[in-house]
Amino acid sequence: MKKQTKINSGIYLVIDPSMEENQLLESLEKAVSAKPCALQIWDNFQSHDQVPTLIAKIKMICSRSGIPILINNHPEWAELFGLDGVHFDELTDELLSSIPQLKQHGKIIGITVNNDLELIKKAIFADVDYLSFCSMFPSSTANSCDLVEFETVIKTRKYTSIPIFLAGGISTESIAKLQSLDFDGIAVVSGVMSAADPGNAISQYQQLLSDQKKGNRA
């Protein structure tokens, strides 16, 4: 069994490969300098032909950082391109049956969850490595998600100690509203990649998370 890469707490960066390529790679270079805890490549490529070369360029940018790279919804690409894991948008029977093999190959497995506690328990029982709750607030990149009830996150933390990430509409202004929750990090897309300085944007989120954790311990 291959040794598995771990996912740490912090800022989980999601990138959209449909962005203009030079802008995407330039923004990613700056973002990686601030050391997000993980990078997910959203499966929103402009064309299938673009996939191998763009993933290779993304891997090159991240190669010195040690940041785990996950692909969205495509376990076959995780294997083919040597990525660290797969993030699934939903838990299906097919996914459940594929998890043991992916884990055997050392892949990180994450899944998006919402308010269905039975589904959340099923994911935990299936030994996923982290949960990502979407959407905490209204969001242009998570418009298909219902809003997550804070009570769902609170109950989930009682069931498991695996990392919990919060996603959807989280800005530097709205992050303060999450203070009542016990979570490990936040997933961001437009809040970083559309910023003039993505590295500085991540640093701001990291500082706010750190301040919030200190406040919760006080």
N, C-alpha and C. Protein backbone atom coordinates (compact mmCIF):
# COMPACT_ATOMS: atom_id res chain seq x y z
N MET A 1 0.85 -1.20 0.00
CA MET A 1 0.00 0.00 0.00
C MET A 1 0.88 1.25 0.00
N LYS A 2 0.58 2.17 -0.89
CA LYS A 2 1.34 3.41 -0.97
C LYS A 2 1.01 4.32 0.20
N LYS A 3 2.05 4.97 0.75
CA LYS A 3 1.83 5.89 1.87
C LYS A 3 1.00 7.07 1.41
N GLN A 4 -0.01 7.41 2.21
CA GLN A 4 -0.94 8.46 1.83
C GLN A 4 -0.46 9.84 2.25
N THR A 5 -0.65 10.81 1.35
CA THR A 5 -0.40 12.20 1.68
C THR A 5 -1.51 12.68 2.62
N LYS A 6 -1.16 13.52 3.57
CA LYS A 6 -2.15 14.05 4.51
C LYS A 6 -2.63 15.43 4.05
N ILE A 7 -3.84 15.75 4.46
CA ILE A 7 -4.35 17.09 4.21
C ILE A 7 -4.41 17.82 5.54
N ASN A 8 -3.80 18.99 5.59
CA ASN A 8 -3.72 19.76 6.84
C ASN A 8 -4.81 20.83 6.89
N SER A 9 -4.91 21.48 8.02
CA SER A 9 -5.87 22.57 8.16
C SER A 9 -5.36 23.80 7.43
N GLY A 10 -6.27 24.71 7.11
CA GLY A 10 -5.87 25.95 6.46
C GLY A 10 -6.76 26.34 5.30
N ILE A 11 -6.17 26.95 4.29
CA ILE A 11 -6.91 27.44 3.13
C ILE A 11 -6.79 26.42 2.00
N TYR A 12 -7.93 25.89 1.62
CA TYR A 12 -8.02 24.88 0.55
C TYR A 12 -8.40 25.63 -0.72
N LEU A 13 -7.47 25.67 -1.66
CA LEU A 13 -7.67 26.49 -2.87
C LEU A 13 -8.25 25.65 -4.00
N VAL A 14 -9.33 26.13 -4.59
CA VAL A 14 -9.94 25.49 -5.77
C VAL A 14 -9.68 26.39 -6.97
N ILE A 15 -9.15 25.81 -8.05
CA ILE A 15 -8.89 26.61 -9.24
C ILE A 15 -9.79 26.15 -10.39
N ASP A 16 -10.14 27.11 -11.23
CA ASP A 16 -11.04 26.86 -12.35
C ASP A 16 -10.21 26.84 -13.64
N PRO A 17 -10.00 25.66 -14.26
CA PRO A 17 -9.15 25.58 -15.45
C PRO A 17 -9.75 26.20 -16.70
N SER A 18 -11.01 26.68 -16.61
CA SER A 18 -11.58 27.37 -17.77
C SER A 18 -11.11 28.82 -17.85
N MET A 19 -10.41 29.29 -16.81
CA MET A 19 -9.82 30.63 -16.86
C MET A 19 -8.82 30.71 -18.00
N GLU A 20 -8.56 31.91 -18.48
CA GLU A 20 -7.52 32.09 -19.49
C GLU A 20 -6.21 31.56 -18.91
N GLU A 21 -5.52 30.71 -19.68
CA GLU A 21 -4.43 29.91 -19.12
C GLU A 21 -3.31 30.74 -18.50
N ASN A 22 -2.84 31.76 -19.18
CA ASN A 22 -1.74 32.56 -18.62
C ASN A 22 -2.14 33.23 -17.32
N GLN A 23 -3.38 33.72 -17.28
CA GLN A 23 -3.86 34.36 -16.04
C GLN A 23 -3.97 33.33 -14.92
N LEU A 24 -4.49 32.14 -15.25
CA LEU A 24 -4.61 31.07 -14.26
C LEU A 24 -3.26 30.72 -13.66
N LEU A 25 -2.28 30.48 -14.52
CA LEU A 25 -0.97 30.04 -14.04
C LEU A 25 -0.24 31.14 -13.28
N GLU A 26 -0.39 32.37 -13.74
CA GLU A 26 0.23 33.50 -13.03
C GLU A 26 -0.39 33.67 -11.64
N SER A 27 -1.72 33.59 -11.56
CA SER A 27 -2.39 33.70 -10.26
C SER A 27 -2.03 32.53 -9.35
N LEU A 28 -1.91 31.34 -9.93
CA LEU A 28 -1.55 30.17 -9.14
C LEU A 28 -0.15 30.30 -8.55
N GLU A 29 0.80 30.82 -9.35
CA GLU A 29 2.17 31.04 -8.85
C GLU A 29 2.13 31.90 -7.59
N LYS A 30 1.36 32.97 -7.63
CA LYS A 30 1.28 33.88 -6.48
C LYS A 30 0.56 33.22 -5.31
N ALA A 31 -0.49 32.47 -5.61
CA ALA A 31 -1.25 31.81 -4.53
C ALA A 31 -0.43 30.77 -3.81
N VAL A 32 0.33 29.99 -4.57
CA VAL A 32 1.13 28.90 -3.99
C VAL A 32 2.20 29.45 -3.04
N SER A 33 2.66 30.67 -3.30
CA SER A 33 3.69 31.26 -2.44
C SER A 33 3.20 31.44 -1.00
N ALA A 34 1.87 31.50 -0.82
CA ALA A 34 1.29 31.67 0.52
C ALA A 34 0.96 30.33 1.17
N LYS A 35 1.30 29.23 0.49
CA LYS A 35 1.16 27.89 1.04
C LYS A 35 -0.26 27.51 1.49
N PRO A 36 -1.19 27.44 0.55
CA PRO A 36 -2.50 26.86 0.89
C PRO A 36 -2.29 25.40 1.31
N CYS A 37 -3.24 24.84 2.04
CA CYS A 37 -3.06 23.48 2.56
C CYS A 37 -3.32 22.42 1.50
N ALA A 38 -4.04 22.77 0.44
CA ALA A 38 -4.33 21.83 -0.64
C ALA A 38 -4.80 22.62 -1.86
N LEU A 39 -4.70 21.97 -3.01
CA LEU A 39 -5.17 22.56 -4.25
C LEU A 39 -6.08 21.57 -4.95
N GLN A 40 -7.28 22.02 -5.31
CA GLN A 40 -8.19 21.18 -6.09
C GLN A 40 -8.37 21.78 -7.48
N ILE A 41 -8.21 20.93 -8.49
CA ILE A 41 -8.46 21.34 -9.87
C ILE A 41 -9.91 20.99 -10.20
N TRP A 42 -10.73 21.99 -10.36
CA TRP A 42 -12.14 21.80 -10.71
C TRP A 42 -12.20 21.18 -12.11
N ASP A 43 -13.10 20.24 -12.35
CA ASP A 43 -13.16 19.58 -13.66
C ASP A 43 -13.99 20.41 -14.65
N ASN A 44 -13.53 21.62 -14.86
CA ASN A 44 -14.25 22.58 -15.71
C ASN A 44 -13.33 23.04 -16.83
N PHE A 45 -12.66 22.08 -17.49
CA PHE A 45 -11.71 22.40 -18.55
C PHE A 45 -12.43 22.88 -19.80
N GLN A 46 -11.76 23.76 -20.54
CA GLN A 46 -12.34 24.27 -21.79
C GLN A 46 -12.50 23.15 -22.81
N SER A 47 -11.55 22.21 -22.82
CA SER A 47 -11.64 21.06 -23.73
C SER A 47 -10.89 19.89 -23.12
N HIS A 48 -11.25 18.69 -23.54
CA HIS A 48 -10.60 17.48 -23.03
C HIS A 48 -9.13 17.46 -23.43
N ASP A 49 -8.82 18.01 -24.61
CA ASP A 49 -7.44 18.03 -25.10
C ASP A 49 -6.52 18.86 -24.20
N GLN A 50 -7.10 19.79 -23.47
CA GLN A 50 -6.33 20.70 -22.63
C GLN A 50 -5.86 20.03 -21.35
N VAL A 51 -6.52 18.94 -20.96
CA VAL A 51 -6.31 18.36 -19.62
C VAL A 51 -4.86 17.98 -19.34
N PRO A 52 -4.20 17.14 -20.16
CA PRO A 52 -2.85 16.67 -19.80
C PRO A 52 -1.83 17.80 -19.67
N THR A 53 -1.81 18.72 -20.65
CA THR A 53 -0.79 19.77 -20.62
C THR A 53 -1.02 20.75 -19.48
N LEU A 54 -2.27 21.11 -19.23
CA LEU A 54 -2.54 22.08 -18.16
C LEU A 54 -2.26 21.47 -16.80
N ILE A 55 -2.63 20.22 -16.59
CA ILE A 55 -2.33 19.57 -15.31
C ILE A 55 -0.82 19.49 -15.10
N ALA A 56 -0.07 19.21 -16.16
CA ALA A 56 1.40 19.15 -16.06
C ALA A 56 1.96 20.49 -15.63
N LYS A 57 1.42 21.58 -16.18
CA LYS A 57 1.90 22.93 -15.81
C LYS A 57 1.54 23.26 -14.36
N ILE A 58 0.35 22.86 -13.95
CA ILE A 58 -0.08 23.10 -12.55
C ILE A 58 0.83 22.33 -11.59
N LYS A 59 1.11 21.06 -11.93
CA LYS A 59 2.00 20.25 -11.09
C LYS A 59 3.39 20.88 -10.99
N MET A 60 3.88 21.42 -12.09
CA MET A 60 5.21 22.05 -12.08
C MET A 60 5.25 23.23 -11.13
N ILE A 61 4.20 24.05 -11.17
CA ILE A 61 4.15 25.22 -10.28
C ILE A 61 4.12 24.80 -8.82
N CYS A 62 3.41 23.71 -8.53
CA CYS A 62 3.25 23.26 -7.14
C CYS A 62 4.34 22.32 -6.66
N SER A 63 5.26 21.92 -7.57
CA SER A 63 6.19 20.83 -7.27
C SER A 63 7.11 21.11 -6.08
N ARG A 64 7.48 22.35 -5.88
CA ARG A 64 8.42 22.68 -4.79
C ARG A 64 7.70 22.99 -3.48
N SER A 65 6.38 23.09 -3.53
CA SER A 65 5.63 23.54 -2.34
C SER A 65 5.19 22.40 -1.44
N GLY A 66 5.08 21.19 -2.01
CA GLY A 66 4.58 20.06 -1.23
C GLY A 66 3.08 20.11 -1.00
N ILE A 67 2.37 20.98 -1.72
CA ILE A 67 0.92 21.10 -1.57
C ILE A 67 0.24 19.92 -2.26
N PRO A 68 -0.63 19.18 -1.57
CA PRO A 68 -1.36 18.09 -2.23
C PRO A 68 -2.26 18.64 -3.34
N ILE A 69 -2.26 17.97 -4.48
CA ILE A 69 -3.11 18.36 -5.61
C ILE A 69 -4.18 17.30 -5.81
N LEU A 70 -5.44 17.74 -5.81
CA LEU A 70 -6.57 16.85 -6.02
C LEU A 70 -7.30 17.23 -7.30
N ILE A 71 -7.88 16.25 -7.94
CA ILE A 71 -8.72 16.49 -9.11
C ILE A 71 -10.17 16.29 -8.71
N ASN A 72 -11.05 17.06 -9.32
CA ASN A 72 -12.47 17.00 -9.02
C ASN A 72 -13.14 15.91 -9.88
N ASN A 73 -13.71 14.91 -9.21
CA ASN A 73 -14.60 13.92 -9.84
C ASN A 73 -13.97 12.92 -10.81
N HIS A 74 -12.65 12.91 -10.96
CA HIS A 74 -12.04 12.02 -11.95
C HIS A 74 -10.92 11.17 -11.33
N PRO A 75 -11.27 10.06 -10.68
CA PRO A 75 -10.24 9.21 -10.08
C PRO A 75 -9.26 8.67 -11.12
N GLU A 76 -9.72 8.47 -12.36
CA GLU A 76 -8.82 7.96 -13.40
C GLU A 76 -7.73 8.97 -13.73
N TRP A 77 -8.04 10.26 -13.61
CA TRP A 77 -7.01 11.28 -13.85
C TRP A 77 -6.02 11.36 -12.69
N ALA A 78 -6.50 11.12 -11.49
CA ALA A 78 -5.59 11.10 -10.34
C ALA A 78 -4.52 10.04 -10.54
N GLU A 79 -4.92 8.89 -11.04
CA GLU A 79 -3.97 7.80 -11.32
C GLU A 79 -3.08 8.16 -12.51
N LEU A 80 -3.70 8.60 -13.60
CA LEU A 80 -2.98 8.84 -14.85
C LEU A 80 -1.93 9.93 -14.72
N PHE A 81 -2.27 11.01 -13.99
CA PHE A 81 -1.37 12.16 -13.91
C PHE A 81 -0.62 12.25 -12.58
N GLY A 82 -0.73 11.22 -11.76
CA GLY A 82 0.03 11.19 -10.51
C GLY A 82 -0.37 12.27 -9.52
N LEU A 83 -1.67 12.53 -9.41
CA LEU A 83 -2.15 13.53 -8.45
C LEU A 83 -2.37 12.88 -7.09
N ASP A 84 -2.52 13.72 -6.05
CA ASP A 84 -2.55 13.21 -4.68
C ASP A 84 -3.91 12.73 -4.22
N GLY A 85 -4.97 13.10 -4.93
CA GLY A 85 -6.28 12.68 -4.47
C GLY A 85 -7.39 13.11 -5.39
N VAL A 86 -8.60 12.81 -4.94
CA VAL A 86 -9.81 13.11 -5.71
C VAL A 86 -10.84 13.74 -4.78
N HIS A 87 -11.46 14.80 -5.26
CA HIS A 87 -12.59 15.38 -4.53
C HIS A 87 -13.85 15.11 -5.33
N PHE A 88 -14.84 14.50 -4.67
CA PHE A 88 -16.10 14.17 -5.32
C PHE A 88 -17.20 15.14 -4.89
N ASP A 89 -18.04 15.50 -5.85
CA ASP A 89 -19.13 16.43 -5.57
C ASP A 89 -20.31 15.76 -4.87
N GLU A 90 -20.41 14.43 -5.01
CA GLU A 90 -21.49 13.72 -4.35
C GLU A 90 -21.07 12.28 -4.08
N LEU A 91 -21.75 11.67 -3.13
CA LEU A 91 -21.45 10.30 -2.73
C LEU A 91 -22.40 9.36 -3.47
N THR A 92 -21.85 8.55 -4.36
CA THR A 92 -22.65 7.59 -5.11
C THR A 92 -22.20 6.17 -4.76
N ASP A 93 -22.99 5.19 -5.14
CA ASP A 93 -22.61 3.79 -4.91
C ASP A 93 -21.32 3.45 -5.64
N GLU A 94 -21.15 4.01 -6.84
CA GLU A 94 -19.93 3.76 -7.61
C GLU A 94 -18.71 4.31 -6.88
N LEU A 95 -18.87 5.51 -6.31
CA LEU A 95 -17.78 6.10 -5.53
C LEU A 95 -17.46 5.24 -4.31
N LEU A 96 -18.49 4.82 -3.60
CA LEU A 96 -18.27 4.00 -2.41
C LEU A 96 -17.45 2.76 -2.73
N SER A 97 -17.73 2.15 -3.87
CA SER A 97 -17.02 0.93 -4.24
C SER A 97 -15.59 1.20 -4.69
N SER A 98 -15.31 2.45 -5.13
CA SER A 98 -13.96 2.78 -5.62
C SER A 98 -13.02 3.27 -4.52
N ILE A 99 -13.58 3.66 -3.36
CA ILE A 99 -12.75 4.25 -2.30
C ILE A 99 -11.64 3.31 -1.82
N PRO A 100 -11.91 2.02 -1.56
CA PRO A 100 -10.82 1.15 -1.05
C PRO A 100 -9.61 1.10 -1.98
N GLN A 101 -9.84 1.03 -3.29
CA GLN A 101 -8.72 0.97 -4.23
C GLN A 101 -7.95 2.29 -4.26
N LEU A 102 -8.69 3.40 -4.23
CA LEU A 102 -8.04 4.71 -4.21
C LEU A 102 -7.19 4.88 -2.96
N LYS A 103 -7.71 4.43 -1.83
CA LYS A 103 -6.96 4.52 -0.57
C LYS A 103 -5.72 3.63 -0.62
N GLN A 104 -5.87 2.48 -1.25
CA GLN A 104 -4.75 1.55 -1.37
C GLN A 104 -3.61 2.18 -2.16
N HIS A 105 -3.97 3.05 -3.11
CA HIS A 105 -2.97 3.75 -3.92
C HIS A 105 -2.51 5.05 -3.25
N GLY A 106 -2.93 5.26 -2.01
CA GLY A 106 -2.46 6.42 -1.26
C GLY A 106 -3.15 7.73 -1.59
N LYS A 107 -4.30 7.67 -2.25
CA LYS A 107 -4.98 8.90 -2.65
C LYS A 107 -5.81 9.49 -1.50
N ILE A 108 -5.81 10.81 -1.42
CA ILE A 108 -6.69 11.53 -0.50
C ILE A 108 -8.09 11.55 -1.11
N ILE A 109 -9.10 11.27 -0.30
CA ILE A 109 -10.48 11.29 -0.78
C ILE A 109 -11.28 12.32 0.02
N GLY A 110 -11.88 13.27 -0.70
CA GLY A 110 -12.73 14.25 -0.06
C GLY A 110 -14.08 14.31 -0.76
N ILE A 111 -15.06 14.81 -0.06
CA ILE A 111 -16.40 14.87 -0.65
C ILE A 111 -17.15 16.11 -0.18
N THR A 112 -17.95 16.66 -1.07
CA THR A 112 -18.83 17.77 -0.73
C THR A 112 -20.09 17.24 -0.07
N VAL A 113 -20.46 17.82 1.05
CA VAL A 113 -21.69 17.43 1.75
C VAL A 113 -22.51 18.69 2.03
N ASN A 114 -23.78 18.45 2.40
CA ASN A 114 -24.67 19.57 2.65
C ASN A 114 -25.38 19.35 3.99
N ASN A 115 -26.66 19.08 3.98
CA ASN A 115 -27.41 18.94 5.24
C ASN A 115 -27.88 17.52 5.54
N ASP A 116 -27.57 16.57 4.67
CA ASP A 116 -28.04 15.19 4.84
C ASP A 116 -27.12 14.44 5.81
N LEU A 117 -27.54 14.33 7.07
CA LEU A 117 -26.69 13.71 8.08
C LEU A 117 -26.45 12.22 7.82
N GLU A 118 -27.44 11.55 7.24
CA GLU A 118 -27.25 10.13 6.93
C GLU A 118 -26.17 9.96 5.86
N LEU A 119 -26.18 10.83 4.88
CA LEU A 119 -25.15 10.80 3.84
C LEU A 119 -23.78 11.13 4.43
N ILE A 120 -23.74 12.07 5.34
CA ILE A 120 -22.48 12.44 6.00
C ILE A 120 -21.93 11.25 6.79
N LYS A 121 -22.80 10.57 7.51
CA LYS A 121 -22.36 9.40 8.27
C LYS A 121 -21.85 8.31 7.34
N LYS A 122 -22.51 8.14 6.20
CA LYS A 122 -22.09 7.13 5.22
C LYS A 122 -20.69 7.46 4.69
N ALA A 123 -20.44 8.75 4.44
CA ALA A 123 -19.12 9.18 3.96
C ALA A 123 -18.04 8.92 5.00
N ILE A 124 -18.36 9.23 6.26
CA ILE A 124 -17.40 8.99 7.34
C ILE A 124 -17.11 7.50 7.47
N PHE A 125 -18.16 6.69 7.40
CA PHE A 125 -18.01 5.24 7.51
C PHE A 125 -17.20 4.68 6.33
N ALA A 126 -17.30 5.34 5.18
CA ALA A 126 -16.55 4.91 3.99
C ALA A 126 -15.07 5.32 4.06
N ASP A 127 -14.69 6.03 5.13
CA ASP A 127 -13.29 6.39 5.39
C ASP A 127 -12.77 7.48 4.45
N VAL A 128 -13.62 8.46 4.12
CA VAL A 128 -13.10 9.62 3.39
C VAL A 128 -12.15 10.39 4.30
N ASP A 129 -11.29 11.19 3.70
CA ASP A 129 -10.25 11.87 4.47
C ASP A 129 -10.67 13.25 4.97
N TYR A 130 -11.64 13.85 4.31
CA TYR A 130 -12.15 15.14 4.78
C TYR A 130 -13.53 15.37 4.18
N LEU A 131 -14.27 16.29 4.81
CA LEU A 131 -15.59 16.71 4.34
C LEU A 131 -15.54 18.19 4.01
N SER A 132 -16.24 18.57 2.95
CA SER A 132 -16.33 19.98 2.59
C SER A 132 -17.80 20.37 2.54
N PHE A 133 -18.21 21.23 3.44
CA PHE A 133 -19.61 21.67 3.50
C PHE A 133 -19.83 22.83 2.54
N CYS A 134 -20.86 22.68 1.70
CA CYS A 134 -21.18 23.71 0.70
C CYS A 134 -22.71 23.77 0.56
N SER A 135 -23.25 24.96 0.60
CA SER A 135 -22.63 26.26 0.60
C SER A 135 -22.99 26.96 1.91
N MET A 136 -21.99 27.56 2.53
CA MET A 136 -22.24 28.25 3.80
C MET A 136 -23.02 29.55 3.58
N PHE A 137 -22.72 30.24 2.50
CA PHE A 137 -23.37 31.50 2.16
C PHE A 137 -23.67 31.50 0.65
N PRO A 138 -24.55 32.37 0.18
CA PRO A 138 -24.79 32.44 -1.27
C PRO A 138 -23.49 32.67 -2.03
N SER A 139 -23.34 31.98 -3.17
CA SER A 139 -22.07 32.02 -3.89
C SER A 139 -22.30 31.84 -5.38
N SER A 140 -21.55 32.58 -6.18
CA SER A 140 -21.66 32.45 -7.64
C SER A 140 -21.08 31.14 -8.14
N THR A 141 -20.12 30.56 -7.40
CA THR A 141 -19.50 29.30 -7.83
C THR A 141 -20.12 28.09 -7.15
N ALA A 142 -21.10 28.30 -6.29
CA ALA A 142 -21.75 27.17 -5.61
C ALA A 142 -23.26 27.35 -5.65
N ASN A 143 -23.76 27.82 -6.80
CA ASN A 143 -25.17 28.19 -6.86
C ASN A 143 -26.12 27.00 -6.92
N SER A 144 -25.57 25.78 -7.04
CA SER A 144 -26.45 24.60 -7.06
C SER A 144 -26.63 24.00 -5.66
N CYS A 145 -25.95 24.56 -4.68
CA CYS A 145 -26.01 24.03 -3.32
C CYS A 145 -27.07 24.75 -2.50
N ASP A 146 -27.78 24.01 -1.65
CA ASP A 146 -28.58 24.64 -0.62
C ASP A 146 -27.63 25.20 0.43
N LEU A 147 -28.10 26.16 1.22
CA LEU A 147 -27.26 26.69 2.28
C LEU A 147 -27.16 25.67 3.41
N VAL A 148 -25.95 25.51 3.93
CA VAL A 148 -25.71 24.56 5.02
C VAL A 148 -26.22 25.15 6.33
N GLU A 149 -26.93 24.33 7.09
CA GLU A 149 -27.35 24.75 8.43
C GLU A 149 -26.17 24.57 9.39
N PHE A 150 -25.90 25.58 10.17
CA PHE A 150 -24.76 25.52 11.09
C PHE A 150 -24.88 24.31 12.02
N GLU A 151 -26.10 23.97 12.38
CA GLU A 151 -26.32 22.84 13.29
C GLU A 151 -25.81 21.54 12.67
N THR A 152 -25.86 21.43 11.34
CA THR A 152 -25.36 20.22 10.67
C THR A 152 -23.86 20.08 10.88
N VAL A 153 -23.13 21.18 10.79
CA VAL A 153 -21.68 21.15 11.00
C VAL A 153 -21.37 20.80 12.46
N ILE A 154 -22.13 21.36 13.37
CA ILE A 154 -21.92 21.09 14.80
C ILE A 154 -22.14 19.61 15.11
N LYS A 155 -23.21 19.04 14.56
CA LYS A 155 -23.49 17.62 14.78
C LYS A 155 -22.42 16.74 14.14
N THR A 156 -21.97 17.12 12.96
CA THR A 156 -20.96 16.32 12.26
C THR A 156 -19.67 16.26 13.05
N ARG A 157 -19.29 17.36 13.66
CA ARG A 157 -18.05 17.37 14.45
C ARG A 157 -18.13 16.38 15.61
N LYS A 158 -19.33 16.15 16.12
CA LYS A 158 -19.50 15.17 17.20
C LYS A 158 -19.30 13.75 16.71
N TYR A 159 -19.51 13.52 15.39
CA TYR A 159 -19.37 12.18 14.83
C TYR A 159 -17.94 11.84 14.43
N THR A 160 -17.13 12.86 14.13
CA THR A 160 -15.83 12.57 13.53
C THR A 160 -14.79 13.64 13.86
N SER A 161 -13.53 13.22 13.80
CA SER A 161 -12.43 14.17 14.00
C SER A 161 -11.69 14.46 12.69
N ILE A 162 -12.17 13.89 11.55
CA ILE A 162 -11.51 14.17 10.28
C ILE A 162 -11.67 15.64 9.93
N PRO A 163 -10.77 16.18 9.10
CA PRO A 163 -10.86 17.60 8.76
C PRO A 163 -12.20 17.98 8.14
N ILE A 164 -12.71 19.11 8.58
CA ILE A 164 -13.94 19.70 8.04
C ILE A 164 -13.58 21.04 7.41
N PHE A 165 -13.91 21.17 6.12
CA PHE A 165 -13.72 22.44 5.42
C PHE A 165 -15.09 23.04 5.11
N LEU A 166 -15.13 24.35 5.12
CA LEU A 166 -16.36 25.08 4.80
C LEU A 166 -16.16 25.83 3.49
N ALA A 167 -17.19 25.82 2.65
CA ALA A 167 -17.05 26.41 1.32
C ALA A 167 -18.32 27.15 0.93
N GLY A 168 -18.19 28.02 -0.06
CA GLY A 168 -19.35 28.68 -0.62
C GLY A 168 -19.60 30.06 -0.05
N GLY A 169 -19.22 31.07 -0.81
CA GLY A 169 -19.53 32.45 -0.43
C GLY A 169 -18.77 32.98 0.77
N ILE A 170 -17.66 32.33 1.12
CA ILE A 170 -16.90 32.78 2.30
C ILE A 170 -15.90 33.84 1.88
N SER A 171 -16.09 35.03 2.40
CA SER A 171 -15.21 36.16 2.12
C SER A 171 -14.48 36.55 3.39
N THR A 172 -13.56 37.49 3.28
CA THR A 172 -12.85 37.97 4.46
C THR A 172 -13.82 38.69 5.41
N GLU A 173 -14.96 39.15 4.88
CA GLU A 173 -15.96 39.80 5.72
C GLU A 173 -16.87 38.77 6.41
N SER A 174 -17.27 37.72 5.67
CA SER A 174 -18.24 36.77 6.22
C SER A 174 -17.62 35.70 7.10
N ILE A 175 -16.30 35.55 7.08
CA ILE A 175 -15.66 34.48 7.85
C ILE A 175 -15.93 34.61 9.35
N ALA A 176 -16.13 35.84 9.81
CA ALA A 176 -16.40 36.05 11.23
C ALA A 176 -17.71 35.39 11.67
N LYS A 177 -18.63 35.20 10.72
CA LYS A 177 -19.92 34.58 11.05
C LYS A 177 -19.79 33.09 11.35
N LEU A 178 -18.62 32.52 11.08
CA LEU A 178 -18.41 31.07 11.28
C LEU A 178 -17.82 30.76 12.65
N GLN A 179 -17.72 31.76 13.49
CA GLN A 179 -16.99 31.62 14.75
C GLN A 179 -17.56 30.55 15.67
N SER A 180 -18.84 30.26 15.55
CA SER A 180 -19.46 29.27 16.45
C SER A 180 -19.16 27.83 16.03
N LEU A 181 -18.50 27.64 14.89
CA LEU A 181 -18.29 26.30 14.35
C LEU A 181 -16.87 25.80 14.58
N ASP A 182 -16.74 24.48 14.75
CA ASP A 182 -15.44 23.83 14.92
C ASP A 182 -15.07 23.23 13.56
N PHE A 183 -14.17 23.88 12.85
CA PHE A 183 -13.78 23.41 11.52
C PHE A 183 -12.29 23.62 11.32
N ASP A 184 -11.75 23.02 10.24
CA ASP A 184 -10.30 23.00 10.04
C ASP A 184 -9.81 23.97 8.98
N GLY A 185 -10.70 24.41 8.11
CA GLY A 185 -10.26 25.32 7.07
C GLY A 185 -11.40 25.74 6.19
N ILE A 186 -11.08 26.59 5.23
CA ILE A 186 -12.10 27.03 4.28
C ILE A 186 -11.61 26.80 2.85
N ALA A 187 -12.56 26.48 1.99
CA ALA A 187 -12.26 26.30 0.57
C ALA A 187 -12.65 27.57 -0.17
N VAL A 188 -11.73 28.09 -0.96
CA VAL A 188 -11.99 29.34 -1.66
C VAL A 188 -11.67 29.20 -3.15
N VAL A 189 -12.45 29.89 -3.97
CA VAL A 189 -12.22 29.90 -5.42
C VAL A 189 -12.01 31.36 -5.84
N SER A 190 -13.10 32.05 -6.10
CA SER A 190 -13.02 33.41 -6.64
C SER A 190 -12.42 34.39 -5.64
N GLY A 191 -12.60 34.12 -4.35
CA GLY A 191 -12.07 35.02 -3.33
C GLY A 191 -10.56 35.15 -3.38
N VAL A 192 -9.88 34.19 -4.01
CA VAL A 192 -8.43 34.24 -4.15
C VAL A 192 -8.03 34.46 -5.61
N MET A 193 -8.55 33.61 -6.50
CA MET A 193 -8.05 33.63 -7.87
C MET A 193 -8.45 34.88 -8.65
N SER A 194 -9.48 35.59 -8.19
CA SER A 194 -9.85 36.85 -8.85
C SER A 194 -9.21 38.06 -8.19
N ALA A 195 -8.45 37.83 -7.12
CA ALA A 195 -7.81 38.93 -6.41
C ALA A 195 -6.60 39.45 -7.19
N ALA A 196 -6.26 40.71 -6.98
CA ALA A 196 -5.09 41.28 -7.65
C ALA A 196 -3.82 40.57 -7.22
N ASP A 197 -3.75 40.20 -5.94
CA ASP A 197 -2.60 39.46 -5.40
C ASP A 197 -3.11 38.22 -4.67
N PRO A 198 -3.22 37.08 -5.36
CA PRO A 198 -3.76 35.87 -4.74
C PRO A 198 -2.99 35.41 -3.50
N GLY A 199 -1.68 35.61 -3.50
CA GLY A 199 -0.89 35.21 -2.34
C GLY A 199 -1.28 36.01 -1.11
N ASN A 200 -1.44 37.31 -1.29
CA ASN A 200 -1.85 38.17 -0.19
C ASN A 200 -3.27 37.84 0.26
N ALA A 201 -4.15 37.48 -0.70
CA ALA A 201 -5.53 37.11 -0.35
C ALA A 201 -5.54 35.87 0.54
N ILE A 202 -4.72 34.87 0.20
CA ILE A 202 -4.64 33.66 1.03
C ILE A 202 -4.10 34.01 2.41
N SER A 203 -3.08 34.85 2.45
CA SER A 203 -2.50 35.25 3.75
C SER A 203 -3.53 35.93 4.63
N GLN A 204 -4.39 36.74 4.02
CA GLN A 204 -5.46 37.40 4.79
C GLN A 204 -6.41 36.38 5.39
N TYR A 205 -6.83 35.41 4.56
CA TYR A 205 -7.71 34.34 5.06
C TYR A 205 -7.02 33.56 6.18
N GLN A 206 -5.73 33.25 5.99
CA GLN A 206 -4.99 32.49 6.99
C GLN A 206 -4.93 33.24 8.32
N GLN A 207 -4.72 34.54 8.25
CA GLN A 207 -4.65 35.35 9.47
C GLN A 207 -5.99 35.40 10.17
N LEU A 208 -7.06 35.54 9.39
CA LEU A 208 -8.40 35.58 9.98
C LEU A 208 -8.75 34.24 10.63
N LEU A 209 -8.36 33.14 9.99
CA LEU A 209 -8.59 31.82 10.58
C LEU A 209 -7.83 31.66 11.88
N SER A 210 -6.57 32.10 11.87
CA SER A 210 -5.73 32.00 13.06
C SER A 210 -6.31 32.82 14.21
N ASP A 211 -6.73 34.04 13.90
CA ASP A 211 -7.32 34.91 14.93
C ASP A 211 -8.60 34.29 15.49
N GLN A 212 -9.38 33.67 14.60
CA GLN A 212 -10.64 33.07 15.02
C GLN A 212 -10.40 31.89 15.96
N LYS A 213 -9.40 31.05 15.63
CA LYS A 213 -9.09 29.89 16.48
C LYS A 213 -8.58 30.36 17.84
N LYS A 214 -7.77 31.41 17.84
CA LYS A 214 -7.30 31.96 19.12
C LYS A 214 -8.46 32.49 19.94
N GLY A 215 -9.41 33.14 19.27
CA GLY A 215 -10.59 33.67 19.96
C GLY A 215 -11.44 32.56 20.55
N ASN A 216 -11.54 31.43 19.82
CA ASN A 216 -12.34 30.30 20.32
C ASN A 216 -11.69 29.63 21.52
N ARG A 217 -10.34 29.70 21.57
CA ARG A 217 -9.64 29.07 22.70
C ARG A 217 -9.65 29.97 23.94
N ALA A 218 -9.86 31.27 23.72
CA ALA A 218 -9.78 32.22 24.84
C ALA A 218 -10.94 32.04 25.81
